[in-house]
Amino acid sequence: MDLPTAIELVAEDTRTEAPDTPYTNSDAVQLARRELVMDDIYAVVADTALRDAYRTVLAAEPDDLTAALEEQAQIGEQDPAEEEIER
């Protein structure tokens, strides 16, 4: 799965799970990378495509995530990332 699509799926899932919190794509990616490990994905994510999205986001290099988020911001899909993805 390509990284921009994975980011969108992870962000949408995060917003669905916590509808009262206005997560940006950047917020959702950082939350996933901070709170999940690969083994968690198999235990808590039933949907195959969503599982692949989380795996893609967790496996991505921080610079690649930052670039993908910035690209989304430039084309109007997401607010600009306020900070670089934590390494």
PDB file of N, CA and C in Angstrom:
ATOM      1  N   MET A   1       0.852  -1.176   0.000  1.00  0.00           N
ATOM      2  CA  MET A   1       0.000   0.000   0.000  1.00  0.00           C
ATOM      3  C   MET A   1       0.896   1.237   0.000  1.00  0.00           C
ATOM      4  N   ASP A   2       0.499   2.248  -0.776  1.00  0.00           N
ATOM      5  CA  ASP A   2       1.309   3.463  -0.808  1.00  0.00           C
ATOM      6  C   ASP A   2       1.089   4.274   0.479  1.00  0.00           C
ATOM      7  N   LEU A   3       2.112   5.019   0.840  1.00  0.00           N
ATOM      8  CA  LEU A   3       2.108   5.729   2.118  1.00  0.00           C
ATOM      9  C   LEU A   3       1.001   6.771   2.227  1.00  0.00           C
ATOM     10  N   PRO A   4       0.760   7.613   1.230  1.00  0.00           N
ATOM     11  CA  PRO A   4      -0.324   8.601   1.372  1.00  0.00           C
ATOM     12  C   PRO A   4      -1.698   7.955   1.626  1.00  0.00           C
ATOM     13  N   THR A   5      -1.976   6.855   0.939  1.00  0.00           N
ATOM     14  CA  THR A   5      -3.239   6.157   1.160  1.00  0.00           C
ATOM     15  C   THR A   5      -3.289   5.576   2.563  1.00  0.00           C
ATOM     16  N   ALA A   6      -2.186   5.008   3.011  1.00  0.00           N
ATOM     17  CA  ALA A   6      -2.124   4.446   4.361  1.00  0.00           C
ATOM     18  C   ALA A   6      -2.356   5.528   5.415  1.00  0.00           C
ATOM     19  N   ILE A   7      -1.762   6.680   5.220  1.00  0.00           N
ATOM     20  CA  ILE A   7      -1.957   7.789   6.168  1.00  0.00           C
ATOM     21  C   ILE A   7      -3.431   8.168   6.231  1.00  0.00           C
ATOM     22  N   GLU A   8      -4.069   8.276   5.074  1.00  0.00           N
ATOM     23  CA  GLU A   8      -5.493   8.640   5.039  1.00  0.00           C
ATOM     24  C   GLU A   8      -6.344   7.603   5.784  1.00  0.00           C
ATOM     25  N   LEU A   9      -6.075   6.322   5.558  1.00  0.00           N
ATOM     26  CA  LEU A   9      -6.850   5.268   6.217  1.00  0.00           C
ATOM     27  C   LEU A   9      -6.637   5.256   7.722  1.00  0.00           C
ATOM     28  N   VAL A  10      -5.398   5.411   8.160  1.00  0.00           N
ATOM     29  CA  VAL A  10      -5.096   5.448   9.594  1.00  0.00           C
ATOM     30  C   VAL A  10      -5.755   6.665  10.237  1.00  0.00           C
ATOM     31  N   ALA A  11      -5.681   7.797   9.575  1.00  0.00           N
ATOM     32  CA  ALA A  11      -6.282   9.021  10.114  1.00  0.00           C
ATOM     33  C   ALA A  11      -7.800   8.885  10.220  1.00  0.00           C
ATOM     34  N   GLU A  12      -8.418   8.344   9.189  1.00  0.00           N
ATOM     35  CA  GLU A  12      -9.870   8.167   9.212  1.00  0.00           C
ATOM     36  C   GLU A  12     -10.277   7.200  10.316  1.00  0.00           C
ATOM     37  N   ASP A  13      -9.530   6.113  10.489  1.00  0.00           N
ATOM     38  CA  ASP A  13      -9.824   5.163  11.555  1.00  0.00           C
ATOM     39  C   ASP A  13      -9.676   5.826  12.925  1.00  0.00           C
ATOM     40  N   THR A  14      -8.646   6.619  13.092  1.00  0.00           N
ATOM     41  CA  THR A  14      -8.424   7.311  14.365  1.00  0.00           C
ATOM     42  C   THR A  14      -9.568   8.275  14.651  1.00  0.00           C
ATOM     43  N   ARG A  15      -9.996   9.027  13.644  1.00  0.00           N
ATOM     44  CA  ARG A  15     -11.106   9.965  13.833  1.00  0.00           C
ATOM     45  C   ARG A  15     -12.417   9.225  14.123  1.00  0.00           C
ATOM     46  N   THR A  16     -12.597   8.047  13.536  1.00  0.00           N
ATOM     47  CA  THR A  16     -13.801   7.249  13.798  1.00  0.00           C
ATOM     48  C   THR A  16     -13.803   6.730  15.230  1.00  0.00           C
ATOM     49  N   GLU A  17     -12.640   6.300  15.695  1.00  0.00           N
ATOM     50  CA  GLU A  17     -12.529   5.753  17.054  1.00  0.00           C
ATOM     51  C   GLU A  17     -12.630   6.826  18.131  1.00  0.00           C
ATOM     52  N   ALA A  18     -12.276   8.066  17.793  1.00  0.00           N
ATOM     53  CA  ALA A  18     -12.321   9.170  18.767  1.00  0.00           C
ATOM     54  C   ALA A  18     -12.966  10.387  18.100  1.00  0.00           C
ATOM     55  N   PRO A  19     -14.276  10.326  17.868  1.00  0.00           N
ATOM     56  CA  PRO A  19     -14.938  11.383  17.099  1.00  0.00           C
ATOM     57  C   PRO A  19     -14.952  12.753  17.773  1.00  0.00           C
ATOM     58  N   ASP A  20     -14.732  12.801  19.060  1.00  0.00           N
ATOM     59  CA  ASP A  20     -14.747  14.082  19.773  1.00  0.00           C
ATOM     60  C   ASP A  20     -13.419  14.819  19.704  1.00  0.00           C
ATOM     61  N   THR A  21     -12.394  14.168  19.158  1.00  0.00           N
ATOM     62  CA  THR A  21     -11.075  14.786  19.039  1.00  0.00           C
ATOM     63  C   THR A  21     -10.789  15.037  17.562  1.00  0.00           C
ATOM     64  N   PRO A  22     -10.519  16.282  17.191  1.00  0.00           N
ATOM     65  CA  PRO A  22     -10.287  16.601  15.771  1.00  0.00           C
ATOM     66  C   PRO A  22      -8.852  16.271  15.325  1.00  0.00           C
ATOM     67  N   TYR A  23      -8.568  14.988  15.162  1.00  0.00           N
ATOM     68  CA  TYR A  23      -7.231  14.568  14.763  1.00  0.00           C
ATOM     69  C   TYR A  23      -6.928  14.988  13.329  1.00  0.00           C
ATOM     70  N   THR A  24      -5.766  15.587  13.125  1.00  0.00           N
ATOM     71  CA  THR A  24      -5.262  15.797  11.776  1.00  0.00           C
ATOM     72  C   THR A  24      -4.599  14.495  11.339  1.00  0.00           C
ATOM     73  N   ASN A  25      -4.249  14.397  10.078  1.00  0.00           N
ATOM     74  CA  ASN A  25      -3.520  13.208   9.626  1.00  0.00           C
ATOM     75  C   ASN A  25      -2.212  13.068  10.391  1.00  0.00           C
ATOM     76  N   SER A  26      -1.528  14.180  10.601  1.00  0.00           N
ATOM     77  CA  SER A  26      -0.265  14.163  11.334  1.00  0.00           C
ATOM     78  C   SER A  26      -0.466  13.664  12.765  1.00  0.00           C
ATOM     79  N   ASP A  27      -1.502  14.167  13.427  1.00  0.00           N
ATOM     80  CA  ASP A  27      -1.805  13.727  14.799  1.00  0.00           C
ATOM     81  C   ASP A  27      -2.064  12.225  14.843  1.00  0.00           C
ATOM     82  N   ALA A  28      -2.846  11.745  13.883  1.00  0.00           N
ATOM     83  CA  ALA A  28      -3.198  10.320  13.858  1.00  0.00           C
ATOM     84  C   ALA A  28      -1.979   9.444  13.636  1.00  0.00           C
ATOM     85  N   VAL A  29      -1.097   9.867  12.737  1.00  0.00           N
ATOM     86  CA  VAL A  29       0.125   9.104  12.462  1.00  0.00           C
ATOM     87  C   VAL A  29       1.010   9.073  13.704  1.00  0.00           C
ATOM     88  N   GLN A  30       1.175  10.206  14.327  1.00  0.00           N
ATOM     89  CA  GLN A  30       2.012  10.249  15.520  1.00  0.00           C
ATOM     90  C   GLN A  30       1.433   9.410  16.646  1.00  0.00           C
ATOM     91  N   LEU A  31       0.115   9.438  16.813  1.00  0.00           N
ATOM     92  CA  LEU A  31      -0.536   8.620  17.829  1.00  0.00           C
ATOM     93  C   LEU A  31      -0.309   7.133  17.545  1.00  0.00           C
ATOM     94  N   ALA A  32      -0.508   6.725  16.316  1.00  0.00           N
ATOM     95  CA  ALA A  32      -0.309   5.317  15.955  1.00  0.00           C
ATOM     96  C   ALA A  32       1.120   4.884  16.213  1.00  0.00           C
ATOM     97  N   ARG A  33       2.078   5.699  15.821  1.00  0.00           N
ATOM     98  CA  ARG A  33       3.494   5.333  15.990  1.00  0.00           C
ATOM     99  C   ARG A  33       3.915   5.343  17.459  1.00  0.00           C
ATOM    100  N   ARG A  34       3.243   6.142  18.249  1.00  0.00           N
ATOM    101  CA  ARG A  34       3.574   6.226  19.674  1.00  0.00           C
ATOM    102  C   ARG A  34       2.900   5.104  20.472  1.00  0.00           C
ATOM    103  N   GLU A  35       1.692   4.719  20.065  1.00  0.00           N
ATOM    104  CA  GLU A  35       0.879   3.815  20.880  1.00  0.00           C
ATOM    105  C   GLU A  35       0.844   2.359  20.416  1.00  0.00           C
ATOM    106  N   LEU A  36       1.218   2.107  19.163  1.00  0.00           N
ATOM    107  CA  LEU A  36       1.069   0.756  18.623  1.00  0.00           C
ATOM    108  C   LEU A  36       2.399   0.137  18.223  1.00  0.00           C
ATOM    109  N   VAL A  37       2.431  -1.162  18.283  1.00  0.00           N
ATOM    110  CA  VAL A  37       3.525  -1.940  17.708  1.00  0.00           C
ATOM    111  C   VAL A  37       2.879  -2.934  16.739  1.00  0.00           C
ATOM    112  N   MET A  38       3.678  -3.523  15.876  1.00  0.00           N
ATOM    113  CA  MET A  38       3.140  -4.420  14.849  1.00  0.00           C
ATOM    114  C   MET A  38       2.241  -5.508  15.433  1.00  0.00           C
ATOM    115  N   ASP A  39       2.629  -6.091  16.556  1.00  0.00           N
ATOM    116  CA  ASP A  39       1.822  -7.163  17.145  1.00  0.00           C
ATOM    117  C   ASP A  39       0.433  -6.681  17.536  1.00  0.00           C
ATOM    118  N   ASP A  40       0.315  -5.418  17.963  1.00  0.00           N
ATOM    119  CA  ASP A  40      -0.988  -4.855  18.332  1.00  0.00           C
ATOM    120  C   ASP A  40      -1.946  -4.862  17.154  1.00  0.00           C
ATOM    121  N   ILE A  41      -1.426  -4.593  15.982  1.00  0.00           N
ATOM    122  CA  ILE A  41      -2.272  -4.459  14.801  1.00  0.00           C
ATOM    123  C   ILE A  41      -3.049  -5.745  14.548  1.00  0.00           C
ATOM    124  N   TYR A  42      -2.385  -6.879  14.687  1.00  0.00           N
ATOM    125  CA  TYR A  42      -3.044  -8.147  14.429  1.00  0.00           C
ATOM    126  C   TYR A  42      -4.089  -8.463  15.485  1.00  0.00           C
ATOM    127  N   ALA A  43      -3.923  -7.944  16.678  1.00  0.00           N
ATOM    128  CA  ALA A  43      -4.870  -8.204  17.759  1.00  0.00           C
ATOM    129  C   ALA A  43      -6.084  -7.281  17.725  1.00  0.00           C
ATOM    130  N   VAL A  44      -5.924  -6.047  17.229  1.00  0.00           N
ATOM    131  CA  VAL A  44      -7.009  -5.072  17.351  1.00  0.00           C
ATOM    132  C   VAL A  44      -7.619  -4.607  16.033  1.00  0.00           C
ATOM    133  N   VAL A  45      -6.995  -4.899  14.906  1.00  0.00           N
ATOM    134  CA  VAL A  45      -7.511  -4.434  13.613  1.00  0.00           C
ATOM    135  C   VAL A  45      -7.962  -5.641  12.802  1.00  0.00           C
ATOM    136  N   ALA A  46      -9.268  -5.731  12.581  1.00  0.00           N
ATOM    137  CA  ALA A  46      -9.818  -6.891  11.881  1.00  0.00           C
ATOM    138  C   ALA A  46      -9.760  -6.741  10.363  1.00  0.00           C
ATOM    139  N   ASP A  47      -9.926  -5.535   9.865  1.00  0.00           N
ATOM    140  CA  ASP A  47      -9.975  -5.288   8.433  1.00  0.00           C
ATOM    141  C   ASP A  47      -8.584  -5.406   7.813  1.00  0.00           C
ATOM    142  N   THR A  48      -8.456  -6.195   6.770  1.00  0.00           N
ATOM    143  CA  THR A  48      -7.164  -6.448   6.134  1.00  0.00           C
ATOM    144  C   THR A  48      -6.552  -5.179   5.550  1.00  0.00           C
ATOM    145  N   ALA A  49      -7.336  -4.377   4.851  1.00  0.00           N
ATOM    146  CA  ALA A  49      -6.805  -3.145   4.247  1.00  0.00           C
ATOM    147  C   ALA A  49      -6.346  -2.167   5.324  1.00  0.00           C
ATOM    148  N   LEU A  50      -7.121  -2.048   6.383  1.00  0.00           N
ATOM    149  CA  LEU A  50      -6.749  -1.146   7.468  1.00  0.00           C
ATOM    150  C   LEU A  50      -5.501  -1.661   8.188  1.00  0.00           C
ATOM    151  N   ARG A  51      -5.418  -2.966   8.352  1.00  0.00           N
ATOM    152  CA  ARG A  51      -4.221  -3.558   8.962  1.00  0.00           C
ATOM    153  C   ARG A  51      -2.984  -3.246   8.117  1.00  0.00           C
ATOM    154  N   ASP A  52      -3.121  -3.368   6.784  1.00  0.00           N
ATOM    155  CA  ASP A  52      -2.014  -3.033   5.887  1.00  0.00           C
ATOM    156  C   ASP A  52      -1.639  -1.558   6.002  1.00  0.00           C
ATOM    157  N   ALA A  53      -2.640  -0.698   6.163  1.00  0.00           N
ATOM    158  CA  ALA A  53      -2.379   0.738   6.310  1.00  0.00           C
ATOM    159  C   ALA A  53      -1.566   1.005   7.570  1.00  0.00           C
ATOM    160  N   TYR A  54      -1.965   0.408   8.678  1.00  0.00           N
ATOM    161  CA  TYR A  54      -1.215   0.595   9.918  1.00  0.00           C
ATOM    162  C   TYR A  54       0.201   0.043   9.782  1.00  0.00           C
ATOM    163  N   ARG A  55       0.344  -1.114   9.165  1.00  0.00           N
ATOM    164  CA  ARG A  55       1.686  -1.684   8.968  1.00  0.00           C
ATOM    165  C   ARG A  55       2.552  -0.749   8.138  1.00  0.00           C
ATOM    166  N   THR A  56       1.984  -0.161   7.097  1.00  0.00           N
ATOM    167  CA  THR A  56       2.725   0.762   6.237  1.00  0.00           C
ATOM    168  C   THR A  56       3.165   1.993   7.017  1.00  0.00           C
ATOM    169  N   VAL A  57       2.271   2.552   7.809  1.00  0.00           N
ATOM    170  CA  VAL A  57       2.594   3.748   8.599  1.00  0.00           C
ATOM    171  C   VAL A  57       3.655   3.429   9.650  1.00  0.00           C
ATOM    172  N   LEU A  58       3.507   2.312  10.337  1.00  0.00           N
ATOM    173  CA  LEU A  58       4.472   1.966  11.382  1.00  0.00           C
ATOM    174  C   LEU A  58       5.846   1.632  10.819  1.00  0.00           C
ATOM    175  N   ALA A  59       5.885   1.079   9.615  1.00  0.00           N
ATOM    176  CA  ALA A  59       7.158   0.680   9.017  1.00  0.00           C
ATOM    177  C   ALA A  59       7.860   1.815   8.275  1.00  0.00           C
ATOM    178  N   ALA A  60       7.162   2.893   8.014  1.00  0.00           N
ATOM    179  CA  ALA A  60       7.723   3.993   7.219  1.00  0.00           C
ATOM    180  C   ALA A  60       8.815   4.742   7.971  1.00  0.00           C
ATOM    181  N   GLU A  61       9.757   5.241   7.220  1.00  0.00           N
ATOM    182  CA  GLU A  61      10.809   6.089   7.784  1.00  0.00           C
ATOM    183  C   GLU A  61      10.206   7.452   8.149  1.00  0.00           C
ATOM    184  N   PRO A  62      10.651   8.053   9.240  1.00  0.00           N
ATOM    185  CA  PRO A  62      10.114   9.358   9.643  1.00  0.00           C
ATOM    186  C   PRO A  62      10.178  10.420   8.536  1.00  0.00           C
ATOM    187  N   ASP A  63      11.279  10.450   7.794  1.00  0.00           N
ATOM    188  CA  ASP A  63      11.390  11.438   6.717  1.00  0.00           C
ATOM    189  C   ASP A  63      10.354  11.192   5.619  1.00  0.00           C
ATOM    190  N   ASP A  64      10.057   9.930   5.343  1.00  0.00           N
ATOM    191  CA  ASP A  64       9.047   9.608   4.335  1.00  0.00           C
ATOM    192  C   ASP A  64       7.650  10.027   4.806  1.00  0.00           C
ATOM    193  N   LEU A  65       7.374   9.821   6.093  1.00  0.00           N
ATOM    194  CA  LEU A  65       6.092  10.255   6.644  1.00  0.00           C
ATOM    195  C   LEU A  65       5.948  11.775   6.572  1.00  0.00           C
ATOM    196  N   THR A  66       6.998  12.469   6.965  1.00  0.00           N
ATOM    197  CA  THR A  66       6.967  13.929   6.925  1.00  0.00           C
ATOM    198  C   THR A  66       6.729  14.421   5.498  1.00  0.00           C
ATOM    199  N   ALA A  67       7.419  13.832   4.544  1.00  0.00           N
ATOM    200  CA  ALA A  67       7.261  14.236   3.142  1.00  0.00           C
ATOM    201  C   ALA A  67       5.842  13.962   2.649  1.00  0.00           C
ATOM    202  N   ALA A  68       5.279  12.818   2.996  1.00  0.00           N
ATOM    203  CA  ALA A  68       3.924  12.480   2.559  1.00  0.00           C
ATOM    204  C   ALA A  68       2.895  13.424   3.179  1.00  0.00           C
ATOM    205  N   LEU A  69       3.070  13.745   4.453  1.00  0.00           N
ATOM    206  CA  LEU A  69       2.152  14.673   5.112  1.00  0.00           C
ATOM    207  C   LEU A  69       2.258  16.073   4.511  1.00  0.00           C
ATOM    208  N   GLU A  70       3.464  16.492   4.217  1.00  0.00           N
ATOM    209  CA  GLU A  70       3.651  17.808   3.596  1.00  0.00           C
ATOM    210  C   GLU A  70       3.041  17.848   2.208  1.00  0.00           C
ATOM    211  N   GLU A  71       3.179  16.755   1.462  1.00  0.00           N
ATOM    212  CA  GLU A  71       2.590  16.686   0.125  1.00  0.00           C
ATOM    213  C   GLU A  71       1.069  16.772   0.209  1.00  0.00           C
ATOM    214  N   GLN A  72       0.476  16.077   1.170  1.00  0.00           N
ATOM    215  CA  GLN A  72      -0.969  16.151   1.352  1.00  0.00           C
ATOM    216  C   GLN A  72      -1.395  17.583   1.677  1.00  0.00           C
ATOM    217  N   ALA A  73      -0.618  18.265   2.484  1.00  0.00           N
ATOM    218  CA  ALA A  73      -0.934  19.647   2.847  1.00  0.00           C
ATOM    219  C   ALA A  73      -0.876  20.558   1.629  1.00  0.00           C
ATOM    220  N   GLN A  74       0.082  20.332   0.767  1.00  0.00           N
ATOM    221  CA  GLN A  74       0.243  21.170  -0.422  1.00  0.00           C
ATOM    222  C   GLN A  74      -0.901  21.008  -1.400  1.00  0.00           C
ATOM    223  N   ILE A  75      -1.484  19.821  -1.451  1.00  0.00           N
ATOM    224  CA  ILE A  75      -2.588  19.621  -2.384  1.00  0.00           C
ATOM    225  C   ILE A  75      -3.934  19.799  -1.692  1.00  0.00           C
ATOM    226  N   GLY A  76      -3.900  20.281  -0.457  1.00  0.00           N
ATOM    227  CA  GLY A  76      -5.125  20.644   0.226  1.00  0.00           C
ATOM    228  C   GLY A  76      -5.857  19.519   0.909  1.00  0.00           C
ATOM    229  N   GLU A  77      -5.222  18.367   1.069  1.00  0.00           N
ATOM    230  CA  GLU A  77      -5.886  17.254   1.733  1.00  0.00           C
ATOM    231  C   GLU A  77      -5.803  17.350   3.246  1.00  0.00           C
ATOM    232  N   GLN A  78      -4.854  18.103   3.748  1.00  0.00           N
ATOM    233  CA  GLN A  78      -4.607  18.119   5.186  1.00  0.00           C
ATOM    234  C   GLN A  78      -3.933  19.418   5.572  1.00  0.00           C
ATOM    235  N   ASP A  79      -4.159  19.860   6.791  1.00  0.00           N
ATOM    236  CA  ASP A  79      -3.437  21.017   7.295  1.00  0.00           C
ATOM    237  C   ASP A  79      -1.954  20.692   7.340  1.00  0.00           C
ATOM    238  N   PRO A  80      -1.086  21.681   7.176  1.00  0.00           N
ATOM    239  CA  PRO A  80       0.355  21.413   7.238  1.00  0.00           C
ATOM    240  C   PRO A  80       0.740  20.778   8.578  1.00  0.00           C
ATOM    241  N   ALA A  81       1.631  19.824   8.508  1.00  0.00           N
ATOM    242  CA  ALA A  81       2.137  19.206   9.733  1.00  0.00           C
ATOM    243  C   ALA A  81       2.872  20.266  10.527  1.00  0.00           C
ATOM    244  N   GLU A  82       2.508  20.404  11.793  1.00  0.00           N
ATOM    245  CA  GLU A  82       3.114  21.443  12.611  1.00  0.00           C
ATOM    246  C   GLU A  82       4.505  21.066  13.106  1.00  0.00           C
ATOM    247  N   GLU A  83       4.752  19.785  13.153  1.00  0.00           N
ATOM    248  CA  GLU A  83       6.068  19.363  13.598  1.00  0.00           C
ATOM    249  C   GLU A  83       6.483  18.103  12.852  1.00  0.00           C
ATOM    250  N   GLU A  84       7.756  17.910  12.761  1.00  0.00           N
ATOM    251  CA  GLU A  84       8.279  16.732  12.080  1.00  0.00           C
ATOM    252  C   GLU A  84       7.915  15.491  12.887  1.00  0.00           C
ATOM    253  N   ILE A  85       7.679  14.407  12.191  1.00  0.00           N
ATOM    254  CA  ILE A  85       7.363  13.151  12.853  1.00  0.00           C
ATOM    255  C   ILE A  85       8.516  12.778  13.773  1.00  0.00           C
ATOM    256  N   GLU A  86       8.152  12.371  14.993  1.00  0.00           N
ATOM    257  CA  GLU A  86       9.174  11.986  15.953  1.00  0.00           C
ATOM    258  C   GLU A  86       9.919  10.760  15.466  1.00  0.00           C
ATOM    259  N   ARG A  87      11.210  10.796  15.623  1.00  0.00           N
ATOM    260  CA  ARG A  87      12.035   9.663  15.179  1.00  0.00           C
ATOM    261  C   ARG A  87      12.087   8.598  16.232  1.00  0.00           C
TER     262      ARG A  87
END
